[in-house]
PDB file of N, CA and C in Angstrom:
ATOM      1  N   MET A   1     138.556  72.377 114.490  1.00  0.00           N
ATOM      2  CA  MET A   1     138.400  73.135 113.266  1.00  0.00           C
ATOM      3  C   MET A   1     138.534  72.209 112.054  1.00  0.00           C
ATOM      4  N   PHE A   2     139.563  71.333 112.084  1.00  0.00           N
ATOM      5  CA  PHE A   2     139.754  70.408 110.987  1.00  0.00           C
ATOM      6  C   PHE A   2     138.555  69.463 110.862  1.00  0.00           C
ATOM      7  N   PHE A   3     138.019  69.019 111.995  1.00  0.00           N
ATOM      8  CA  PHE A   3     136.882  68.108 111.986  1.00  0.00           C
ATOM      9  C   PHE A   3     135.660  68.772 111.359  1.00  0.00           C
ATOM     10  N   SER A   4     135.377  70.044 111.679  1.00  0.00           N
ATOM     11  CA  SER A   4     134.209  70.723 111.116  1.00  0.00           C
ATOM     12  C   SER A   4     134.371  70.919 109.616  1.00  0.00           C
ATOM     13  N   ALA A   5     135.568  71.176 109.132  1.00  0.00           N
ATOM     14  CA  ALA A   5     135.794  71.331 107.694  1.00  0.00           C
ATOM     15  C   ALA A   5     135.559  70.012 106.970  1.00  0.00           C
ATOM     16  N   VAL A   6     136.012  68.909 107.561  1.00  0.00           N
ATOM     17  CA  VAL A   6     135.813  67.591 106.965  1.00  0.00           C
ATOM     18  C   VAL A   6     134.330  67.231 106.972  1.00  0.00           C
ATOM     19  N   ALA A   7     133.647  67.511 108.069  1.00  0.00           N
ATOM     20  CA  ALA A   7     132.221  67.212 108.154  1.00  0.00           C
ATOM     21  C   ALA A   7     131.447  68.023 107.122  1.00  0.00           C
ATOM     22  N   PHE A   8     131.809  69.277 106.958  1.00  0.00           N
ATOM     23  CA  PHE A   8     131.141  70.124 105.970  1.00  0.00           C
ATOM     24  C   PHE A   8     131.373  69.583 104.559  1.00  0.00           C
ATOM     25  N   ALA A   9     132.581  69.148 104.259  1.00  0.00           N
ATOM     26  CA  ALA A   9     132.885  68.598 102.941  1.00  0.00           C
ATOM     27  C   ALA A   9     132.097  67.314 102.695  1.00  0.00           C
ATOM     28  N   LEU A  10     131.926  66.489 103.716  1.00  0.00           N
ATOM     29  CA  LEU A  10     131.146  65.267 103.558  1.00  0.00           C
ATOM     30  C   LEU A  10     129.668  65.568 103.299  1.00  0.00           C
ATOM     31  N   VAL A  11     129.137  66.569 103.974  1.00  0.00           N
ATOM     32  CA  VAL A  11     127.737  66.939 103.757  1.00  0.00           C
ATOM     33  C   VAL A  11     127.542  67.430 102.335  1.00  0.00           C
ATOM     34  N   LEU A  12     128.463  68.250 101.847  1.00  0.00           N
ATOM     35  CA  LEU A  12     128.367  68.742 100.468  1.00  0.00           C
ATOM     36  C   LEU A  12     128.498  67.616  99.454  1.00  0.00           C
ATOM     37  N   ALA A  13     129.335  66.653  99.727  1.00  0.00           N
ATOM     38  CA  ALA A  13     129.541  65.542  98.802  1.00  0.00           C
ATOM     39  C   ALA A  13     128.312  64.650  98.713  1.00  0.00           C
ATOM     40  N   GLN A  14     127.509  64.581  99.765  1.00  0.00           N
ATOM     41  CA  GLN A  14     126.338  63.716  99.769  1.00  0.00           C
ATOM     42  C   GLN A  14     125.151  64.339  99.041  1.00  0.00           C
ATOM     43  N   GLN A  15     125.162  65.647  98.817  1.00  0.00           N
ATOM     44  CA  GLN A  15     124.037  66.295  98.145  1.00  0.00           C
ATOM     45  C   GLN A  15     124.115  66.027  96.647  1.00  0.00           C
ATOM     46  N   PRO A  16     122.960  65.726  96.014  1.00  0.00           N
ATOM     47  CA  PRO A  16     122.966  65.470  94.572  1.00  0.00           C
ATOM     48  C   PRO A  16     123.226  66.758  93.800  1.00  0.00           C
ATOM     49  N   ALA A  17     123.714  66.610  92.620  1.00  0.00           N
ATOM     50  CA  ALA A  17     123.995  67.766  91.760  1.00  0.00           C
ATOM     51  C   ALA A  17     122.682  68.439  91.372  1.00  0.00           C
ATOM     52  N   PRO A  18     122.649  69.752  91.226  1.00  0.00           N
ATOM     53  CA  PRO A  18     121.413  70.450  90.876  1.00  0.00           C
ATOM     54  C   PRO A  18     120.819  70.005  89.547  1.00  0.00           C
ATOM     55  N   ALA A  19     121.650  69.654  88.579  1.00  0.00           N
ATOM     56  CA  ALA A  19     121.143  69.219  87.280  1.00  0.00           C
ATOM     57  C   ALA A  19     120.404  67.889  87.396  1.00  0.00           C
ATOM     58  N   ALA A  20     120.798  67.045  88.317  1.00  0.00           N
ATOM     59  CA  ALA A  20     120.159  65.746  88.469  1.00  0.00           C
ATOM     60  C   ALA A  20     118.773  65.878  89.098  1.00  0.00           C
ATOM     61  N   GLN A  21     118.512  66.974  89.810  1.00  0.00           N
ATOM     62  CA  GLN A  21     117.233  67.142  90.472  1.00  0.00           C
ATOM     63  C   GLN A  21     116.142  67.618  89.518  1.00  0.00           C
ATOM     64  N   GLN A  22     116.514  68.382  88.508  1.00  0.00           N
ATOM     65  CA  GLN A  22     115.521  68.959  87.617  1.00  0.00           C
ATOM     66  C   GLN A  22     115.332  68.079  86.384  1.00  0.00           C
ATOM     67  N   PRO A  23     114.061  67.825  86.008  1.00  0.00           N
ATOM     68  CA  PRO A  23     113.828  67.044  84.796  1.00  0.00           C
ATOM     69  C   PRO A  23     114.188  67.864  83.560  1.00  0.00           C
ATOM     70  N   SER A  24     114.518  67.171  82.479  1.00  0.00           N
ATOM     71  CA  SER A  24     114.919  67.876  81.264  1.00  0.00           C
ATOM     72  C   SER A  24     113.714  68.525  80.575  1.00  0.00           C
ATOM     73  N   GLN A  25     112.534  67.957  80.694  1.00  0.00           N
ATOM     74  CA  GLN A  25     111.317  68.500  80.097  1.00  0.00           C
ATOM     75  C   GLN A  25     110.438  69.102  81.186  1.00  0.00           C
ATOM     76  N   PRO A  26     109.824  70.256  80.932  1.00  0.00           N
ATOM     77  CA  PRO A  26     108.910  70.821  81.940  1.00  0.00           C
ATOM     78  C   PRO A  26     107.692  69.921  82.107  1.00  0.00           C
ATOM     79  N   SER A  27     107.180  69.846  83.347  1.00  0.00           N
ATOM     80  CA  SER A  27     106.059  68.954  83.619  1.00  0.00           C
ATOM     81  C   SER A  27     104.766  69.456  82.984  1.00  0.00           C
ATOM     82  N   ASN A  28     104.567  70.771  82.916  1.00  0.00           N
ATOM     83  CA  ASN A  28     103.378  71.306  82.255  1.00  0.00           C
ATOM     84  C   ASN A  28     103.816  72.341  81.232  1.00  0.00           C
ATOM     85  N   PRO A  29     103.676  72.019  79.966  1.00  0.00           N
ATOM     86  CA  PRO A  29     104.128  72.938  78.923  1.00  0.00           C
ATOM     87  C   PRO A  29     103.280  74.221  78.919  1.00  0.00           C
ATOM     88  N   VAL A  30     103.927  75.337  78.688  1.00  0.00           N
ATOM     89  CA  VAL A  30     103.266  76.634  78.662  1.00  0.00           C
ATOM     90  C   VAL A  30     103.086  77.038  77.207  1.00  0.00           C
ATOM     91  N   THR A  31     101.902  77.546  76.890  1.00  0.00           N
ATOM     92  CA  THR A  31     101.652  77.970  75.518  1.00  0.00           C
ATOM     93  C   THR A  31     102.438  79.237  75.225  1.00  0.00           C
ATOM     94  N   GLN A  32     102.563  79.555  73.957  1.00  0.00           N
ATOM     95  CA  GLN A  32     103.300  80.742  73.537  1.00  0.00           C
ATOM     96  C   GLN A  32     102.626  82.012  74.053  1.00  0.00           C
ATOM     97  N   ALA A  33     101.295  82.050  74.031  1.00  0.00           N
ATOM     98  CA  ALA A  33     100.568  83.227  74.509  1.00  0.00           C
ATOM     99  C   ALA A  33     100.787  83.437  76.008  1.00  0.00           C
ATOM    100  N   GLU A  34     100.777  82.352  76.783  1.00  0.00           N
ATOM    101  CA  GLU A  34     101.015  82.465  78.225  1.00  0.00           C
ATOM    102  C   GLU A  34     102.434  82.939  78.505  1.00  0.00           C
ATOM    103  N   ALA A  35     103.391  82.460  77.736  1.00  0.00           N
ATOM    104  CA  ALA A  35     104.782  82.875  77.919  1.00  0.00           C
ATOM    105  C   ALA A  35     104.946  84.354  77.587  1.00  0.00           C
ATOM    106  N   GLU A  36     104.281  84.825  76.525  1.00  0.00           N
ATOM    107  CA  GLU A  36     104.355  86.243  76.158  1.00  0.00           C
ATOM    108  C   GLU A  36     103.701  87.122  77.226  1.00  0.00           C
ATOM    109  N   GLU A  37     102.572  86.674  77.763  1.00  0.00           N
ATOM    110  CA  GLU A  37     101.884  87.436  78.814  1.00  0.00           C
ATOM    111  C   GLU A  37     102.750  87.499  80.069  1.00  0.00           C
ATOM    112  N   GLU A  38     103.389  86.398  80.421  1.00  0.00           N
ATOM    113  CA  GLU A  38     104.274  86.372  81.587  1.00  0.00           C
ATOM    114  C   GLU A  38     105.455  87.317  81.382  1.00  0.00           C
ATOM    115  N   ALA A  39     106.020  87.311  80.187  1.00  0.00           N
ATOM    116  CA  ALA A  39     107.133  88.218  79.887  1.00  0.00           C
ATOM    117  C   ALA A  39     106.680  89.672  79.950  1.00  0.00           C
ATOM    118  N   ARG A  40     105.459  89.954  79.472  1.00  0.00           N
ATOM    119  CA  ARG A  40     104.930  91.310  79.504  1.00  0.00           C
ATOM    120  C   ARG A  40     104.718  91.773  80.938  1.00  0.00           C
ATOM    121  N   LEU A  41     104.210  90.885  81.806  1.00  0.00           N
ATOM    122  CA  LEU A  41     103.972  91.245  83.199  1.00  0.00           C
ATOM    123  C   LEU A  41     105.270  91.448  83.973  1.00  0.00           C
ATOM    124  N   ASN A  42     106.354  90.818  83.534  1.00  0.00           N
ATOM    125  CA  ASN A  42     107.642  90.953  84.216  1.00  0.00           C
ATOM    126  C   ASN A  42     108.478  92.109  83.667  1.00  0.00           C
ATOM    127  N   GLU A  43     107.952  92.809  82.659  1.00  0.00           N
ATOM    128  CA  GLU A  43     108.655  93.950  82.084  1.00  0.00           C
ATOM    129  C   GLU A  43     108.671  95.105  83.088  1.00  0.00           C
ATOM    130  N   VAL A  44     109.802  95.764  83.220  1.00  0.00           N
ATOM    131  CA  VAL A  44     109.931  96.885  84.150  1.00  0.00           C
ATOM    132  C   VAL A  44     109.446  98.162  83.468  1.00  0.00           C
ATOM    133  N   VAL A  45     108.573  98.886  84.170  1.00  0.00           N
ATOM    134  CA  VAL A  45     108.020 100.147  83.671  1.00  0.00           C
ATOM    135  C   VAL A  45     108.360 101.228  84.691  1.00  0.00           C
ATOM    136  N   CYS A  46     108.878 102.351  84.206  1.00  0.00           N
ATOM    137  CA  CYS A  46     109.228 103.466  85.084  1.00  0.00           C
ATOM    138  C   CYS A  46     108.228 104.602  84.880  1.00  0.00           C
ATOM    139  N   ARG A  47     107.846 105.233  85.983  1.00  0.00           N
ATOM    140  CA  ARG A  47     106.917 106.359  85.957  1.00  0.00           C
ATOM    141  C   ARG A  47     107.479 107.468  86.831  1.00  0.00           C
ATOM    142  N   ARG A  48     107.127 108.692  86.489  1.00  0.00           N
ATOM    143  CA  ARG A  48     107.499 109.829  87.315  1.00  0.00           C
ATOM    144  C   ARG A  48     106.284 110.195  88.145  1.00  0.00           C
ATOM    145  N   GLU A  49     106.426 110.080  89.464  1.00  0.00           N
ATOM    146  CA  GLU A  49     105.317 110.343  90.374  1.00  0.00           C
ATOM    147  C   GLU A  49     105.774 111.240  91.508  1.00  0.00           C
ATOM    148  N   HIS A  50     104.826 112.029  92.011  1.00  0.00           N
ATOM    149  CA  HIS A  50     105.108 112.866  93.171  1.00  0.00           C
ATOM    150  C   HIS A  50     105.041 111.999  94.419  1.00  0.00           C
ATOM    151  N   VAL A  51     106.085 112.053  95.211  1.00  0.00           N
ATOM    152  CA  VAL A  51     106.166 111.290  96.443  1.00  0.00           C
ATOM    153  C   VAL A  51     105.775 112.213  97.585  1.00  0.00           C
ATOM    154  N   VAL A  52     105.070 111.692  98.567  1.00  0.00           N
ATOM    155  CA  VAL A  52     104.638 112.484  99.708  1.00  0.00           C
ATOM    156  C   VAL A  52     105.857 113.096 100.395  1.00  0.00           C
ATOM    157  N   GLY A  53     105.786 114.417 100.654  1.00  0.00           N
ATOM    158  CA  GLY A  53     106.879 115.111 101.317  1.00  0.00           C
ATOM    159  C   GLY A  53     107.878 115.722 100.361  1.00  0.00           C
ATOM    160  N   SER A  54     107.626 115.626  99.069  1.00  0.00           N
ATOM    161  CA  SER A  54     108.548 116.181  98.091  1.00  0.00           C
ATOM    162  C   SER A  54     107.766 116.916  97.013  1.00  0.00           C
ATOM    163  N   ASN A  55     108.303 118.033  96.551  1.00  0.00           N
ATOM    164  CA  ASN A  55     107.659 118.778  95.464  1.00  0.00           C
ATOM    165  C   ASN A  55     108.136 118.307  94.099  1.00  0.00           C
ATOM    166  N   ARG A  56     109.226 117.573  94.073  1.00  0.00           N
ATOM    167  CA  ARG A  56     109.766 117.101  92.804  1.00  0.00           C
ATOM    168  C   ARG A  56     109.303 115.682  92.529  1.00  0.00           C
ATOM    169  N   PRO A  57     108.875 115.403  91.313  1.00  0.00           N
ATOM    170  CA  PRO A  57     108.517 114.009  90.993  1.00  0.00           C
ATOM    171  C   PRO A  57     109.768 113.136  90.976  1.00  0.00           C
ATOM    172  N   GLN A  58     109.589 111.901  91.377  1.00  0.00           N
ATOM    173  CA  GLN A  58     110.690 110.949  91.374  1.00  0.00           C
ATOM    174  C   GLN A  58     110.378 109.828  90.397  1.00  0.00           C
ATOM    175  N   ARG A  59     111.418 109.253  89.865  1.00  0.00           N
ATOM    176  CA  ARG A  59     111.265 108.133  88.941  1.00  0.00           C
ATOM    177  C   ARG A  59     111.132 106.858  89.761  1.00  0.00           C
ATOM    178  N   ILE A  60     110.013 106.156  89.572  1.00  0.00           N
ATOM    179  CA  ILE A  60     109.747 104.913  90.294  1.00  0.00           C
ATOM    180  C   ILE A  60     109.616 103.801  89.259  1.00  0.00           C
ATOM    181  N   CYS A  61     110.419 102.765  89.420  1.00  0.00           N
ATOM    182  CA  CYS A  61     110.407 101.646  88.478  1.00  0.00           C
ATOM    183  C   CYS A  61     109.903 100.391  89.175  1.00  0.00           C
ATOM    184  N   GLN A  62     108.920  99.737  88.552  1.00  0.00           N
ATOM    185  CA  GLN A  62     108.369  98.474  89.043  1.00  0.00           C
ATOM    186  C   GLN A  62     107.949  97.656  87.835  1.00  0.00           C
ATOM    187  N   THR A  63     107.713  96.364  88.068  1.00  0.00           N
ATOM    188  CA  THR A  63     107.205  95.536  86.974  1.00  0.00           C
ATOM    189  C   THR A  63     105.729  95.849  86.755  1.00  0.00           C
ATOM    190  N   ARG A  64     105.231  95.477  85.586  1.00  0.00           N
ATOM    191  CA  ARG A  64     103.799  95.686  85.313  1.00  0.00           C
ATOM    192  C   ARG A  64     102.940  94.950  86.347  1.00  0.00           C
ATOM    193  N   ARG A  65     103.389  93.783  86.772  1.00  0.00           N
ATOM    194  CA  ARG A  65     102.651  93.013  87.779  1.00  0.00           C
ATOM    195  C   ARG A  65     102.568  93.806  89.085  1.00  0.00           C
ATOM    196  N   GLN A  66     103.653  94.465  89.493  1.00  0.00           N
ATOM    197  CA  GLN A  66     103.648  95.261  90.711  1.00  0.00           C
ATOM    198  C   GLN A  66     102.751  96.490  90.568  1.00  0.00           C
ATOM    199  N   TRP A  67     102.793  97.156  89.397  1.00  0.00           N
ATOM    200  CA  TRP A  67     101.908  98.306  89.173  1.00  0.00           C
ATOM    201  C   TRP A  67     100.450  97.866  89.237  1.00  0.00           C
ATOM    202  N   ASN A  68     100.128  96.711  88.634  1.00  0.00           N
ATOM    203  CA  ASN A  68      98.753  96.201  88.659  1.00  0.00           C
ATOM    204  C   ASN A  68      98.309  95.881  90.077  1.00  0.00           C
ATOM    205  N   ALA A  69      99.182  95.276  90.873  1.00  0.00           N
ATOM    206  CA  ALA A  69      98.838  94.951  92.253  1.00  0.00           C
ATOM    207  C   ALA A  69      98.595  96.222  93.063  1.00  0.00           C
ATOM    208  N   LEU A  70      99.399  97.245  92.840  1.00  0.00           N
ATOM    209  CA  LEU A  70      99.228  98.516  93.533  1.00  0.00           C
ATOM    210  C   LEU A  70      97.889  99.154  93.164  1.00  0.00           C
ATOM    211  N   ARG A  71      97.542  99.118  91.874  1.00  0.00           N
ATOM    212  CA  ARG A  71      96.260  99.657  91.412  1.00  0.00           C
ATOM    213  C   ARG A  71      95.099  98.878  92.027  1.00  0.00           C
ATOM    214  N   ASP A  72      95.198  97.551  92.039  1.00  0.00           N
ATOM    215  CA  ASP A  72      94.124  96.729  92.592  1.00  0.00           C
ATOM    216  C   ASP A  72      93.923  96.989  94.082  1.00  0.00           C
ATOM    217  N   ARG A  73      95.029  97.131  94.826  1.00  0.00           N
ATOM    218  CA  ARG A  73      94.919  97.434  96.260  1.00  0.00           C
ATOM    219  C   ARG A  73      94.258  98.788  96.482  1.00  0.00           C
ATOM    220  N   SER A  74      94.625  99.773  95.653  1.00  0.00           N
ATOM    221  CA  SER A  74      94.028 101.101  95.793  1.00  0.00           C
ATOM    222  C   SER A  74      92.528 101.057  95.513  1.00  0.00           C
ATOM    223  N   LEU A  75      92.130 100.315  94.487  1.00  0.00           N
ATOM    224  CA  LEU A  75      90.706 100.188  94.176  1.00  0.00           C
ATOM    225  C   LEU A  75      89.959  99.476  95.292  1.00  0.00           C
ATOM    226  N   GLU A  76      90.566  98.446  95.864  1.00  0.00           N
ATOM    227  CA  GLU A  76      89.921  97.736  96.980  1.00  0.00           C
ATOM    228  C   GLU A  76      89.753  98.658  98.178  1.00  0.00           C
ATOM    229  N   ASP A  77      90.780  99.464  98.453  1.00  0.00           N
ATOM    230  CA  ASP A  77      90.681 100.410  99.565  1.00  0.00           C
ATOM    231  C   ASP A  77      89.579 101.433  99.318  1.00  0.00           C
ATOM    232  N   MET A  78      89.490 101.942  98.093  1.00  0.00           N
ATOM    233  CA  MET A  78      88.436 102.911  97.776  1.00  0.00           C
ATOM    234  C   MET A  78      87.058 102.283  97.899  1.00  0.00           C
ATOM    235  N   ASN A  79      86.886 101.112  97.333  1.00  0.00           N
ATOM    236  CA  ASN A  79      85.587 100.450  97.389  1.00  0.00           C
ATOM    237  C   ASN A  79      85.228 100.060  98.812  1.00  0.00           C
ATOM    238  N   GLY A  80      86.208  99.669  99.599  1.00  0.00           N
ATOM    239  CA  GLY A  80      85.959  99.317 100.986  1.00  0.00           C
ATOM    240  C   GLY A  80      85.489 100.516 101.791  1.00  0.00           C
ATOM    241  N   SER A  81      86.045 101.694 101.520  1.00  0.00           N
ATOM    242  CA  SER A  81      85.625 102.880 102.267  1.00  0.00           C
ATOM    243  C   SER A  81      84.230 103.318 101.852  1.00  0.00           C
ATOM    244  N   ARG A  82      83.835 103.044 100.635  1.00  0.00           N
ATOM    245  CA  ARG A  82      82.480 103.384 100.184  1.00  0.00           C
ATOM    246  C   ARG A  82      81.440 102.486 100.847  1.00  0.00           C
ATOM    247  N   ASN A  83      81.822 101.262 101.128  1.00  0.00           N
ATOM    248  CA  ASN A  83      80.864 100.301 101.674  1.00  0.00           C
ATOM    249  C   ASN A  83      80.712 100.393 103.187  1.00  0.00           C
ATOM    250  N   ARG A  84      81.564 101.156 103.846  1.00  0.00           N
ATOM    251  CA  ARG A  84      81.425 101.302 105.291  1.00  0.00           C
ATOM    252  C   ARG A  84      80.166 102.087 105.608  1.00  0.00           C
ATOM    253  N   THR A  85      79.517 101.726 106.665  1.00  0.00           N
ATOM    254  CA  THR A  85      78.272 102.400 107.016  1.00  0.00           C
ATOM    255  C   THR A  85      78.552 103.682 107.783  1.00  0.00           C
ATOM    256  N   VAL A  86      77.660 104.630 107.648  1.00  0.00           N
ATOM    257  CA  VAL A  86      77.784 105.900 108.339  1.00  0.00           C
ATOM    258  C   VAL A  86      77.490 105.712 109.816  1.00  0.00           C
ATOM    259  N   GLU A  87      76.717 104.702 110.150  1.00  0.00           N
ATOM    260  CA  GLU A  87      76.328 104.471 111.529  1.00  0.00           C
ATOM    261  C   GLU A  87      77.524 104.236 112.439  1.00  0.00           C
ATOM    262  N   SER A  88      78.598 103.712 111.926  1.00  0.00           N
ATOM    263  CA  SER A  88      79.756 103.448 112.770  1.00  0.00           C
ATOM    264  C   SER A  88      80.411 104.742 113.250  1.00  0.00           C
ATOM    265  N   HIS A  89      80.137 105.870 112.579  1.00  0.00           N
ATOM    266  CA  HIS A  89      80.724 107.145 112.966  1.00  0.00           C
ATOM    267  C   HIS A  89      79.794 107.969 113.857  1.00  0.00           C
ATOM    268  N   LEU A  90      78.565 107.529 114.027  1.00  0.00           N
ATOM    269  CA  LEU A  90      77.621 108.261 114.866  1.00  0.00           C
ATOM    270  C   LEU A  90      77.871 107.943 116.340  1.00  0.00           C
ATOM    271  N   PRO A  91      77.680 108.914 117.219  1.00  0.00           N
ATOM    272  CA  PRO A  91      77.859 108.627 118.651  1.00  0.00           C
ATOM    273  C   PRO A  91      76.777 107.666 119.143  1.00  0.00           C
ATOM    274  N   THR A  92      77.132 106.907 120.145  1.00  0.00           N
ATOM    275  CA  THR A  92      76.169 105.975 120.717  1.00  0.00           C
ATOM    276  C   THR A  92      75.214 106.722 121.647  1.00  0.00           C
ATOM    277  N   ALA A  93      74.099 106.122 121.972  1.00  0.00           N
ATOM    278  CA  ALA A  93      73.092 106.755 122.817  1.00  0.00           C
ATOM    279  C   ALA A  93      73.674 107.029 124.195  1.00  0.00           C
ATOM    280  N   GLY A  94      73.492 108.261 124.692  1.00  0.00           N
ATOM    281  CA  GLY A  94      73.933 108.624 126.028  1.00  0.00           C
ATOM    282  C   GLY A  94      75.383 109.049 126.088  1.00  0.00           C
ATOM    283  N   ALA A  95      76.078 109.045 125.018  1.00  0.00           N
ATOM    284  CA  ALA A  95      77.488 109.441 125.035  1.00  0.00           C
ATOM    285  C   ALA A  95      77.592 110.956 124.968  1.00  0.00           C
ATOM    286  N   GLY A  96      78.474 111.516 125.737  1.00  0.00           N
ATOM    287  CA  GLY A  96      78.750 112.940 125.668  1.00  0.00           C
ATOM    288  C   GLY A  96      77.966 113.778 126.632  1.00  0.00           C
ATOM    289  N   ARG A  97      76.975 113.257 127.302  1.00  0.00           N
ATOM    290  CA  ARG A  97      76.196 114.056 128.265  1.00  0.00           C
ATOM    291  C   ARG A  97      76.149 113.413 129.587  1.00  0.00           C
TER     292      ARG A  97
END
């Protein structure tokens, strides 16, 4: 037990400090507009929505980025179902008899 504690302390002592790993200046400066857009996308927005299996709306909170991703996935699913061919739902020749 004493040996494992000493070994653990030695491993921790050999690791560099977190401040020494990060440079003081960012490698790629971000413009003010990009920083504002990033802050806007990380803002939490709450909505009251009906959840399946419940008659009462519930408050759902997500970031704007998460709401946008959910909307984009829903649109992709809708567009994907429109592009499916009707032929895939038709019975094949000789089936059923």
